[in-house]
Amino acid sequence: MKPVSIVGPSDAGKTTLIERLTERLADRGPVATVKHLRCTPDIDTTGTDTARHREAGAAETYGIEADGTWFGTGTDRTLGAVLDDLAPDYEYVLVEGYSDATLPTIALGGRDHTGETLLAASSADGVNLDAAVEAIESVEPYVTLDSLIARAVGSEQAEYAGAIATFTGRVRVKDAPEDARTESLEFERYDEVAAERIRTIREELTDREGVFEVLVHHRTGVVEAGEDVVYVVVLAGHRAEAFSAVEDAIDRVKAEVPLFKKEVTVEDDFWAHER
């Protein structure tokens, strides 16, 4: 899934640009949109019933119409959680607002923002749609464990599979009670070499009897304590093949893929290869 934020002043045409981009991208794959709302928590989209549910103490409410149209309201929902939910089912997500998000960004009207700038224009009318679509296609995919599992389930050989095995590597806070707490890890890689090594690992493991799909994703940049770093998903005929391939895949990623890890603790920071 490729997520992009469109930011700008209220009169810059953010919604108009999202409409135009959605029409273009929908021919390429499913599109979802997210809007940053600045309103009271008791927002109700279509009527009074869900507002009454919220007033009664419901943390989330959903309205579903006969034709499948739906809406939802709730509290304590983050942009990251929404993106995680959307990742398995959508190719693109266009986010209106969220200038402080670290998403690739199309900036209108000189709006300050945190994410990498894909394009900038004074307003929606100044955006070349062909250039915008090309920029969106260049965005690094947003990958979750669920989105990898969905890819595996969508394999042409899924009907022969009786097992899906997964591995999730995360940022460990401590090795032992007396250790200094790890605040984050930072990963750098040689992109082309790393991609080629991962491709080789996947191909060699899927050549095994009974292994139909091997998917690997390793995050780069800063990953905070407790967050996920790496995923491996294996689709196989039986659990024995699946477990074996998962173990070999993560072992080979750690041994063969050129990734450099910087650890930041409450006391120090250092590159792992220098220790």
C-alpha atoms as a PDB file:
ATOM      1  CA  MET A   1       0.000   0.000   0.000  1.00  0.00           C
ATOM      2  CA  LYS A   2       1.295   3.459  -0.915  1.00  0.00           C
ATOM      3  CA  PRO A   3       0.188   6.197   1.525  1.00  0.00           C
ATOM      4  CA  VAL A   4       0.486   9.884   0.606  1.00  0.00           C
ATOM      5  CA  SER A   5      -0.552  12.970   2.575  1.00  0.00           C
ATOM      6  CA  ILE A   6      -2.023  16.047   0.864  1.00  0.00           C
ATOM      7  CA  VAL A   7      -1.607  19.138   3.038  1.00  0.00           C
ATOM      8  CA  GLY A   8      -2.323  22.840   2.626  1.00  0.00           C
ATOM      9  CA  PRO A   9      -4.507  25.750   3.762  1.00  0.00           C
ATOM     10  CA  SER A  10      -8.285  25.350   3.726  1.00  0.00           C
ATOM     11  CA  ASP A  11      -8.606  27.273   0.453  1.00  0.00           C
ATOM     12  CA  ALA A  12      -5.841  25.409  -1.442  1.00  0.00           C
ATOM     13  CA  GLY A  13      -8.106  22.671  -2.817  1.00  0.00           C
ATOM     14  CA  LYS A  14      -6.931  19.614  -0.887  1.00  0.00           C
ATOM     15  CA  THR A  15     -10.244  17.793  -1.296  1.00  0.00           C
ATOM     16  CA  THR A  16     -10.386  18.666  -4.994  1.00  0.00           C
ATOM     17  CA  LEU A  17      -6.919  17.228  -5.535  1.00  0.00           C
ATOM     18  CA  ILE A  18      -7.811  14.050  -3.671  1.00  0.00           C
ATOM     19  CA  GLU A  19     -10.890  13.653  -5.890  1.00  0.00           C
ATOM     20  CA  ARG A  20      -8.804  14.037  -9.032  1.00  0.00           C
ATOM     21  CA  LEU A  21      -6.071  11.661  -7.841  1.00  0.00           C
ATOM     22  CA  THR A  22      -8.611   9.075  -6.700  1.00  0.00           C
ATOM     23  CA  GLU A  23     -10.143   8.995 -10.180  1.00  0.00           C
ATOM     24  CA  ARG A  24      -6.697   8.414 -11.716  1.00  0.00           C
ATOM     25  CA  LEU A  25      -5.485   5.840  -9.205  1.00  0.00           C
ATOM     26  CA  ALA A  26      -8.711   3.822  -9.044  1.00  0.00           C
ATOM     27  CA  ASP A  27      -7.878   2.398 -12.487  1.00  0.00           C
ATOM     28  CA  ARG A  28      -4.664   0.975 -11.023  1.00  0.00           C
ATOM     29  CA  GLY A  29      -5.947  -0.467  -7.748  1.00  0.00           C
ATOM     30  CA  PRO A  30      -8.232   0.060  -4.738  1.00  0.00           C
ATOM     31  CA  VAL A  31      -8.004   3.522  -3.158  1.00  0.00           C
ATOM     32  CA  ALA A  32      -8.902   4.568   0.393  1.00  0.00           C
ATOM     33  CA  THR A  33      -8.946   8.092   1.785  1.00  0.00           C
ATOM     34  CA  VAL A  34      -8.477   9.448   5.301  1.00  0.00           C
ATOM     35  CA  LYS A  35      -9.424  12.973   6.382  1.00  0.00           C
ATOM     36  CA  HIS A  36      -8.084  14.806   9.419  1.00  0.00           C
ATOM     37  CA  LEU A  37     -11.197  16.140  11.121  1.00  0.00           C
ATOM     38  CA  ARG A  38     -11.129  19.018  13.578  1.00  0.00           C
ATOM     39  CA  CYS A  39     -14.422  18.582  15.369  1.00  0.00           C
ATOM     40  CA  THR A  40     -16.025  17.487  18.622  1.00  0.00           C
ATOM     41  CA  PRO A  41     -15.881  13.819  19.700  1.00  0.00           C
ATOM     42  CA  ASP A  42     -19.668  13.393  19.376  1.00  0.00           C
ATOM     43  CA  ILE A  43     -19.600  13.685  15.570  1.00  0.00           C
ATOM     44  CA  ASP A  44     -22.411  11.686  13.993  1.00  0.00           C
ATOM     45  CA  THR A  45     -22.292  11.014  10.260  1.00  0.00           C
ATOM     46  CA  THR A  46     -25.873  10.217   9.271  1.00  0.00           C
ATOM     47  CA  GLY A  47     -28.274  10.448  12.170  1.00  0.00           C
ATOM     48  CA  THR A  48     -28.909  10.466  15.880  1.00  0.00           C
ATOM     49  CA  ASP A  49     -28.820   6.763  16.798  1.00  0.00           C
ATOM     50  CA  THR A  50     -25.046   6.322  16.833  1.00  0.00           C
ATOM     51  CA  ALA A  51     -24.674   9.572  18.780  1.00  0.00           C
ATOM     52  CA  ARG A  52     -26.984   8.078  21.417  1.00  0.00           C
ATOM     53  CA  HIS A  53     -24.845   4.916  21.461  1.00  0.00           C
ATOM     54  CA  ARG A  54     -21.763   7.042  22.055  1.00  0.00           C
ATOM     55  CA  GLU A  55     -23.456   8.996  24.816  1.00  0.00           C
ATOM     56  CA  ALA A  56     -24.340   5.687  26.475  1.00  0.00           C
ATOM     57  CA  GLY A  57     -20.655   4.799  26.643  1.00  0.00           C
ATOM     58  CA  ALA A  58     -19.854   2.921  23.415  1.00  0.00           C
ATOM     59  CA  ALA A  59     -16.173   3.426  22.529  1.00  0.00           C
ATOM     60  CA  GLU A  60     -16.816   2.864  18.804  1.00  0.00           C
ATOM     61  CA  THR A  61     -19.959   3.002  16.682  1.00  0.00           C
ATOM     62  CA  TYR A  62     -20.594   1.808  13.139  1.00  0.00           C
ATOM     63  CA  GLY A  63     -23.501   2.518  10.824  1.00  0.00           C
ATOM     64  CA  ILE A  64     -24.058   0.007   8.000  1.00  0.00           C
ATOM     65  CA  GLU A  65     -26.688   0.589   5.316  1.00  0.00           C
ATOM     66  CA  ALA A  66     -28.483  -2.000   3.221  1.00  0.00           C
ATOM     67  CA  ASP A  67     -26.227  -1.435   0.206  1.00  0.00           C
ATOM     68  CA  GLY A  68     -23.069  -1.919   2.286  1.00  0.00           C
ATOM     69  CA  THR A  69     -22.333   1.786   2.752  1.00  0.00           C
ATOM     70  CA  TRP A  70     -20.922   2.348   6.220  1.00  0.00           C
ATOM     71  CA  PHE A  71     -19.370   4.878   8.547  1.00  0.00           C
ATOM     72  CA  GLY A  72     -17.660   4.686  11.909  1.00  0.00           C
ATOM     73  CA  THR A  73     -16.972   6.981  14.824  1.00  0.00           C
ATOM     74  CA  GLY A  74     -14.922   6.538  17.959  1.00  0.00           C
ATOM     75  CA  THR A  75     -12.108   7.897  20.113  1.00  0.00           C
ATOM     76  CA  ASP A  76      -8.407   7.136  20.677  1.00  0.00           C
ATOM     77  CA  ARG A  77      -7.803   6.260  17.032  1.00  0.00           C
ATOM     78  CA  THR A  78      -4.463   7.131  15.451  1.00  0.00           C
ATOM     79  CA  LEU A  79      -3.496   7.583  11.817  1.00  0.00           C
ATOM     80  CA  GLY A  80      -1.012   4.730  12.167  1.00  0.00           C
ATOM     81  CA  ALA A  81      -3.724   2.352  13.385  1.00  0.00           C
ATOM     82  CA  VAL A  82      -5.966   3.308  10.453  1.00  0.00           C
ATOM     83  CA  LEU A  83      -3.143   2.735   7.950  1.00  0.00           C
ATOM     84  CA  ASP A  84      -2.451  -0.664   9.518  1.00  0.00           C
ATOM     85  CA  ASP A  85      -6.102  -1.627   9.024  1.00  0.00           C
ATOM     86  CA  LEU A  86      -6.169  -0.430   5.410  1.00  0.00           C
ATOM     87  CA  ALA A  87      -2.851  -1.959   4.289  1.00  0.00           C
ATOM     88  CA  PRO A  88      -4.117  -5.498   3.481  1.00  0.00           C
ATOM     89  CA  ASP A  89      -6.913  -4.316   1.183  1.00  0.00           C
ATOM     90  CA  TYR A  90      -5.762  -1.148  -0.593  1.00  0.00           C
ATOM     91  CA  GLU A  91      -3.082  -0.178  -3.087  1.00  0.00           C
ATOM     92  CA  TYR A  92      -3.236   3.540  -2.271  1.00  0.00           C
ATOM     93  CA  VAL A  93      -4.304   5.717   0.644  1.00  0.00           C
ATOM     94  CA  LEU A  94      -4.696   9.465   0.212  1.00  0.00           C
ATOM     95  CA  VAL A  95      -4.585  11.317   3.524  1.00  0.00           C
ATOM     96  CA  GLU A  96      -6.034  14.824   3.715  1.00  0.00           C
ATOM     97  CA  GLY A  97      -4.230  16.843   6.336  1.00  0.00           C
ATOM     98  CA  TYR A  98      -1.867  15.526   9.032  1.00  0.00           C
ATOM     99  CA  SER A  99       0.979  17.933   8.297  1.00  0.00           C
ATOM    100  CA  ASP A 100       2.917  16.434  11.202  1.00  0.00           C
ATOM    101  CA  ALA A 101       2.801  12.867   9.823  1.00  0.00           C
ATOM    102  CA  THR A 102       5.985  11.406   8.357  1.00  0.00           C
ATOM    103  CA  LEU A 103       4.214  10.364   5.155  1.00  0.00           C
ATOM    104  CA  PRO A 104       5.365  11.332   1.657  1.00  0.00           C
ATOM    105  CA  THR A 105       3.555  14.601   1.043  1.00  0.00           C
ATOM    106  CA  ILE A 106       2.033  16.735  -1.702  1.00  0.00           C
ATOM    107  CA  ALA A 107       2.162  20.233  -0.223  1.00  0.00           C
ATOM    108  CA  LEU A 108      -0.177  23.011  -1.330  1.00  0.00           C
ATOM    109  CA  GLY A 109       0.036  26.705  -0.550  1.00  0.00           C
ATOM    110  CA  GLY A 110       3.446  26.517   1.093  1.00  0.00           C
ATOM    111  CA  ARG A 111       2.179  24.425   4.014  1.00  0.00           C
ATOM    112  CA  ASP A 112       4.937  23.287   6.391  1.00  0.00           C
ATOM    113  CA  HIS A 113       5.033  19.524   6.851  1.00  0.00           C
ATOM    114  CA  THR A 114       7.130  16.717   8.310  1.00  0.00           C
ATOM    115  CA  GLY A 115       7.144  14.094   5.551  1.00  0.00           C
ATOM    116  CA  GLU A 116       9.242  13.956   2.398  1.00  0.00           C
ATOM    117  CA  THR A 117       7.980  16.353  -0.284  1.00  0.00           C
ATOM    118  CA  LEU A 118       6.739  14.587  -3.412  1.00  0.00           C
ATOM    119  CA  LEU A 119       5.356  17.694  -5.108  1.00  0.00           C
ATOM    120  CA  ALA A 120       4.574  21.288  -4.164  1.00  0.00           C
ATOM    121  CA  ALA A 121       2.157  23.755  -5.739  1.00  0.00           C
ATOM    122  CA  SER A 122       0.277  26.885  -4.796  1.00  0.00           C
ATOM    123  CA  SER A 123      -3.067  25.095  -5.113  1.00  0.00           C
ATOM    124  CA  ALA A 124      -4.714  21.967  -6.519  1.00  0.00           C
ATOM    125  CA  ASP A 125      -4.990  23.599  -9.937  1.00  0.00           C
ATOM    126  CA  GLY A 126      -1.209  23.880 -10.088  1.00  0.00           C
ATOM    127  CA  VAL A 127      -0.609  20.137  -9.679  1.00  0.00           C
ATOM    128  CA  ASN A 128       0.228  18.126 -12.799  1.00  0.00           C
ATOM    129  CA  LEU A 129      -1.793  14.946 -12.245  1.00  0.00           C
ATOM    130  CA  ASP A 130       0.473  12.758 -14.378  1.00  0.00           C
ATOM    131  CA  ALA A 131       3.483  13.897 -12.353  1.00  0.00           C
ATOM    132  CA  ALA A 132       1.570  13.363  -9.104  1.00  0.00           C
ATOM    133  CA  VAL A 133       0.587   9.803 -10.024  1.00  0.00           C
ATOM    134  CA  GLU A 134       4.164   9.013 -11.037  1.00  0.00           C
ATOM    135  CA  ALA A 135       5.420  10.402  -7.704  1.00  0.00           C
ATOM    136  CA  ILE A 136       2.875   8.339  -5.776  1.00  0.00           C
ATOM    137  CA  GLU A 137       3.960   5.180  -7.597  1.00  0.00           C
ATOM    138  CA  SER A 138       7.531   5.807  -6.413  1.00  0.00           C
ATOM    139  CA  VAL A 139       6.517   5.780  -2.737  1.00  0.00           C
ATOM    140  CA  GLU A 140       7.937   3.000  -0.588  1.00  0.00           C
ATOM    141  CA  PRO A 141       5.086   0.568   0.238  1.00  0.00           C
ATOM    142  CA  TYR A 142       3.555   0.603   3.716  1.00  0.00           C
ATOM    143  CA  VAL A 143       3.791  -3.023   4.851  1.00  0.00           C
ATOM    144  CA  THR A 144       2.210  -4.785   7.809  1.00  0.00           C
ATOM    145  CA  LEU A 145       2.116  -8.423   8.862  1.00  0.00           C
ATOM    146  CA  ASP A 146      -1.548  -8.587   7.856  1.00  0.00           C
ATOM    147  CA  SER A 147      -0.819  -7.162   4.408  1.00  0.00           C
ATOM    148  CA  LEU A 148       1.888  -9.805   3.837  1.00  0.00           C
ATOM    149  CA  ILE A 149      -0.481 -12.553   4.975  1.00  0.00           C
ATOM    150  CA  ALA A 150      -3.109 -11.225   2.561  1.00  0.00           C
ATOM    151  CA  ARG A 151      -0.548 -11.415  -0.271  1.00  0.00           C
ATOM    152  CA  ALA A 152       0.282 -14.994   0.670  1.00  0.00           C
ATOM    153  CA  VAL A 153      -3.382 -16.001   0.806  1.00  0.00           C
ATOM    154  CA  GLY A 154      -3.819 -14.458  -2.646  1.00  0.00           C
ATOM    155  CA  SER A 155      -1.156 -16.729  -4.144  1.00  0.00           C
ATOM    156  CA  GLU A 156      -2.169 -18.853  -7.134  1.00  0.00           C
ATOM    157  CA  GLN A 157      -1.031 -21.914  -5.164  1.00  0.00           C
ATOM    158  CA  ALA A 158      -2.952 -21.088  -2.005  1.00  0.00           C
ATOM    159  CA  GLU A 159      -5.397 -23.924  -2.646  1.00  0.00           C
ATOM    160  CA  TYR A 160      -2.559 -26.407  -2.052  1.00  0.00           C
ATOM    161  CA  ALA A 161      -1.484 -24.798   1.226  1.00  0.00           C
ATOM    162  CA  GLY A 162      -2.440 -26.050   4.657  1.00  0.00           C
ATOM    163  CA  ALA A 163      -0.171 -23.780   6.640  1.00  0.00           C
ATOM    164  CA  ILE A 164       0.785 -20.123   7.001  1.00  0.00           C
ATOM    165  CA  ALA A 165       3.674 -19.498   9.397  1.00  0.00           C
ATOM    166  CA  THR A 166       4.898 -16.056  10.396  1.00  0.00           C
ATOM    167  CA  PHE A 167       7.758 -14.473  12.302  1.00  0.00           C
ATOM    168  CA  THR A 168       7.761 -10.961  13.757  1.00  0.00           C
ATOM    169  CA  GLY A 169      10.975  -9.379  15.028  1.00  0.00           C
ATOM    170  CA  ARG A 170      10.553  -6.360  17.305  1.00  0.00           C
ATOM    171  CA  VAL A 171      12.730  -3.879  19.184  1.00  0.00           C
ATOM    172  CA  ARG A 172      13.597  -5.504  22.494  1.00  0.00           C
ATOM    173  CA  VAL A 173      13.737  -3.062  25.400  1.00  0.00           C
ATOM    174  CA  LYS A 174      16.195  -5.086  27.522  1.00  0.00           C
ATOM    175  CA  ASP A 175      18.187  -8.326  27.378  1.00  0.00           C
ATOM    176  CA  ALA A 176      18.204  -8.579  31.176  1.00  0.00           C
ATOM    177  CA  PRO A 177      16.725  -6.669  34.165  1.00  0.00           C
ATOM    178  CA  GLU A 178      19.974  -4.800  34.840  1.00  0.00           C
ATOM    179  CA  ASP A 179      20.448  -3.621  31.236  1.00  0.00           C
ATOM    180  CA  ALA A 180      19.943  -0.023  30.131  1.00  0.00           C
ATOM    181  CA  ARG A 181      16.639   0.425  28.336  1.00  0.00           C
ATOM    182  CA  THR A 182      16.766   0.551  24.556  1.00  0.00           C
ATOM    183  CA  GLU A 183      14.850   3.558  23.264  1.00  0.00           C
ATOM    184  CA  SER A 184      15.100   2.840  19.542  1.00  0.00           C
ATOM    185  CA  LEU A 185      17.009   1.122  16.762  1.00  0.00           C
ATOM    186  CA  GLU A 186      18.008   2.783  13.506  1.00  0.00           C
ATOM    187  CA  PHE A 187      18.540   0.637  10.410  1.00  0.00           C
ATOM    188  CA  GLU A 188      20.394   1.576   7.230  1.00  0.00           C
ATOM    189  CA  ARG A 189      20.871  -0.631   4.189  1.00  0.00           C
ATOM    190  CA  TYR A 190      22.330  -0.718   0.715  1.00  0.00           C
ATOM    191  CA  ASP A 191      18.953  -0.723  -1.025  1.00  0.00           C
ATOM    192  CA  GLU A 192      19.818  -2.475  -4.311  1.00  0.00           C
ATOM    193  CA  VAL A 193      22.061  -5.084  -2.685  1.00  0.00           C
ATOM    194  CA  ALA A 194      19.596  -5.711   0.136  1.00  0.00           C
ATOM    195  CA  ALA A 195      16.680  -6.117  -2.283  1.00  0.00           C
ATOM    196  CA  GLU A 196      18.684  -8.566  -4.406  1.00  0.00           C
ATOM    197  CA  ARG A 197      19.724 -10.645  -1.373  1.00  0.00           C
ATOM    198  CA  ILE A 198      16.159 -10.822  -0.070  1.00  0.00           C
ATOM    199  CA  ARG A 199      14.924 -11.793  -3.536  1.00  0.00           C
ATOM    200  CA  THR A 200      17.503 -14.609  -3.672  1.00  0.00           C
ATOM    201  CA  ILE A 201      16.505 -15.883  -0.220  1.00  0.00           C
ATOM    202  CA  ARG A 202      12.829 -15.924  -1.201  1.00  0.00           C
ATOM    203  CA  GLU A 203      13.478 -17.716  -4.506  1.00  0.00           C
ATOM    204  CA  GLU A 204      15.712 -20.380  -2.990  1.00  0.00           C
ATOM    205  CA  LEU A 205      13.274 -21.125  -0.184  1.00  0.00           C
ATOM    206  CA  THR A 206      10.255 -21.305  -2.506  1.00  0.00           C
ATOM    207  CA  ASP A 207      12.180 -23.864  -4.594  1.00  0.00           C
ATOM    208  CA  ARG A 208      11.771 -26.262  -1.678  1.00  0.00           C
ATOM    209  CA  GLU A 209       9.198 -29.018  -1.920  1.00  0.00           C
ATOM    210  CA  GLY A 210       5.926 -27.918  -0.367  1.00  0.00           C
ATOM    211  CA  VAL A 211       6.820 -24.216   0.011  1.00  0.00           C
ATOM    212  CA  PHE A 212       4.655 -21.965  -2.169  1.00  0.00           C
ATOM    213  CA  GLU A 213       5.346 -18.394  -1.041  1.00  0.00           C
ATOM    214  CA  VAL A 214       7.967 -16.649   1.100  1.00  0.00           C
ATOM    215  CA  LEU A 215       7.540 -12.950   1.890  1.00  0.00           C
ATOM    216  CA  VAL A 216      10.008 -10.793   3.823  1.00  0.00           C
ATOM    217  CA  HIS A 217       9.882  -7.158   4.922  1.00  0.00           C
ATOM    218  CA  HIS A 218      12.502  -5.355   7.015  1.00  0.00           C
ATOM    219  CA  ARG A 219      11.936  -1.761   8.120  1.00  0.00           C
ATOM    220  CA  THR A 220      14.616   0.886   7.828  1.00  0.00           C
ATOM    221  CA  GLY A 221      15.071   4.214   9.570  1.00  0.00           C
ATOM    222  CA  VAL A 222      14.241   4.723  13.245  1.00  0.00           C
ATOM    223  CA  VAL A 223      12.123   2.036  14.930  1.00  0.00           C
ATOM    224  CA  GLU A 224      11.000   2.769  18.484  1.00  0.00           C
ATOM    225  CA  ALA A 225      11.179   0.339  21.403  1.00  0.00           C
ATOM    226  CA  GLY A 226       8.409  -2.248  21.242  1.00  0.00           C
ATOM    227  CA  GLU A 227       7.690  -1.669  17.542  1.00  0.00           C
ATOM    228  CA  ASP A 228       7.972  -4.332  14.841  1.00  0.00           C
ATOM    229  CA  VAL A 229      11.153  -4.459  12.743  1.00  0.00           C
ATOM    230  CA  VAL A 230      10.916  -7.460  10.432  1.00  0.00           C
ATOM    231  CA  TYR A 231       8.233  -9.828   9.156  1.00  0.00           C
ATOM    232  CA  VAL A 232       8.506 -13.227   7.482  1.00  0.00           C
ATOM    233  CA  VAL A 233       5.452 -15.004   6.082  1.00  0.00           C
ATOM    234  CA  VAL A 234       5.559 -18.501   4.569  1.00  0.00           C
ATOM    235  CA  LEU A 235       2.755 -20.272   2.724  1.00  0.00           C
ATOM    236  CA  ALA A 236       3.329 -24.034   2.623  1.00  0.00           C
ATOM    237  CA  GLY A 237       1.620 -27.353   2.246  1.00  0.00           C
ATOM    238  CA  HIS A 238       2.217 -28.448   5.823  1.00  0.00           C
ATOM    239  CA  ARG A 239       3.408 -26.960   9.102  1.00  0.00           C
ATOM    240  CA  ALA A 240       6.814 -28.686   9.018  1.00  0.00           C
ATOM    241  CA  GLU A 241       7.768 -27.032   5.713  1.00  0.00           C
ATOM    242  CA  ALA A 242       6.329 -23.714   6.880  1.00  0.00           C
ATOM    243  CA  PHE A 243       8.166 -23.595  10.218  1.00  0.00           C
ATOM    244  CA  SER A 244      11.461 -24.679   8.668  1.00  0.00           C
ATOM    245  CA  ALA A 245      11.257 -22.054   5.920  1.00  0.00           C
ATOM    246  CA  VAL A 246      10.384 -19.264   8.393  1.00  0.00           C
ATOM    247  CA  GLU A 247      13.369 -20.103  10.589  1.00  0.00           C
ATOM    248  CA  ASP A 248      15.771 -20.341   7.657  1.00  0.00           C
ATOM    249  CA  ALA A 249      14.443 -17.116   6.121  1.00  0.00           C
ATOM    250  CA  ILE A 250      15.013 -14.957   9.195  1.00  0.00           C
ATOM    251  CA  ASP A 251      18.404 -16.553   9.891  1.00  0.00           C
ATOM    252  CA  ARG A 252      19.518 -15.827   6.322  1.00  0.00           C
ATOM    253  CA  VAL A 253      18.179 -12.254   6.408  1.00  0.00           C
ATOM    254  CA  LYS A 254      20.257 -11.552   9.514  1.00  0.00           C
ATOM    255  CA  ALA A 255      23.350 -13.231   8.056  1.00  0.00           C
ATOM    256  CA  GLU A 256      23.230 -12.178   4.399  1.00  0.00           C
ATOM    257  CA  VAL A 257      21.344  -8.884   3.991  1.00  0.00           C
ATOM    258  CA  PRO A 258      23.541  -5.763   4.403  1.00  0.00           C
ATOM    259  CA  LEU A 259      21.714  -3.979   7.218  1.00  0.00           C
ATOM    260  CA  PHE A 260      23.471  -1.678   9.667  1.00  0.00           C
ATOM    261  CA  LYS A 261      21.917  -1.250  13.110  1.00  0.00           C
ATOM    262  CA  LYS A 262      22.379   1.695  15.461  1.00  0.00           C
ATOM    263  CA  GLU A 263      21.120   1.152  18.999  1.00  0.00           C
ATOM    264  CA  VAL A 264      20.035   4.074  21.146  1.00  0.00           C
ATOM    265  CA  THR A 265      19.737   3.391  24.873  1.00  0.00           C
ATOM    266  CA  VAL A 266      19.068   5.718  27.791  1.00  0.00           C
ATOM    267  CA  GLU A 267      22.837   5.743  28.422  1.00  0.00           C
ATOM    268  CA  ASP A 268      24.521   5.530  25.020  1.00  0.00           C
ATOM    269  CA  ASP A 269      24.164   5.048  21.280  1.00  0.00           C
ATOM    270  CA  PHE A 270      26.338   2.874  19.046  1.00  0.00           C
ATOM    271  CA  TRP A 271      26.436   0.993  15.746  1.00  0.00           C
ATOM    272  CA  ALA A 272      26.183  -2.739  16.403  1.00  0.00           C
ATOM    273  CA  HIS A 273      28.926  -3.662  13.897  1.00  0.00           C
ATOM    274  CA  GLU A 274      31.387  -1.473  15.806  1.00  0.00           C
ATOM    275  CA  ARG A 275      30.846  -3.470  18.987  1.00  0.00           C
END
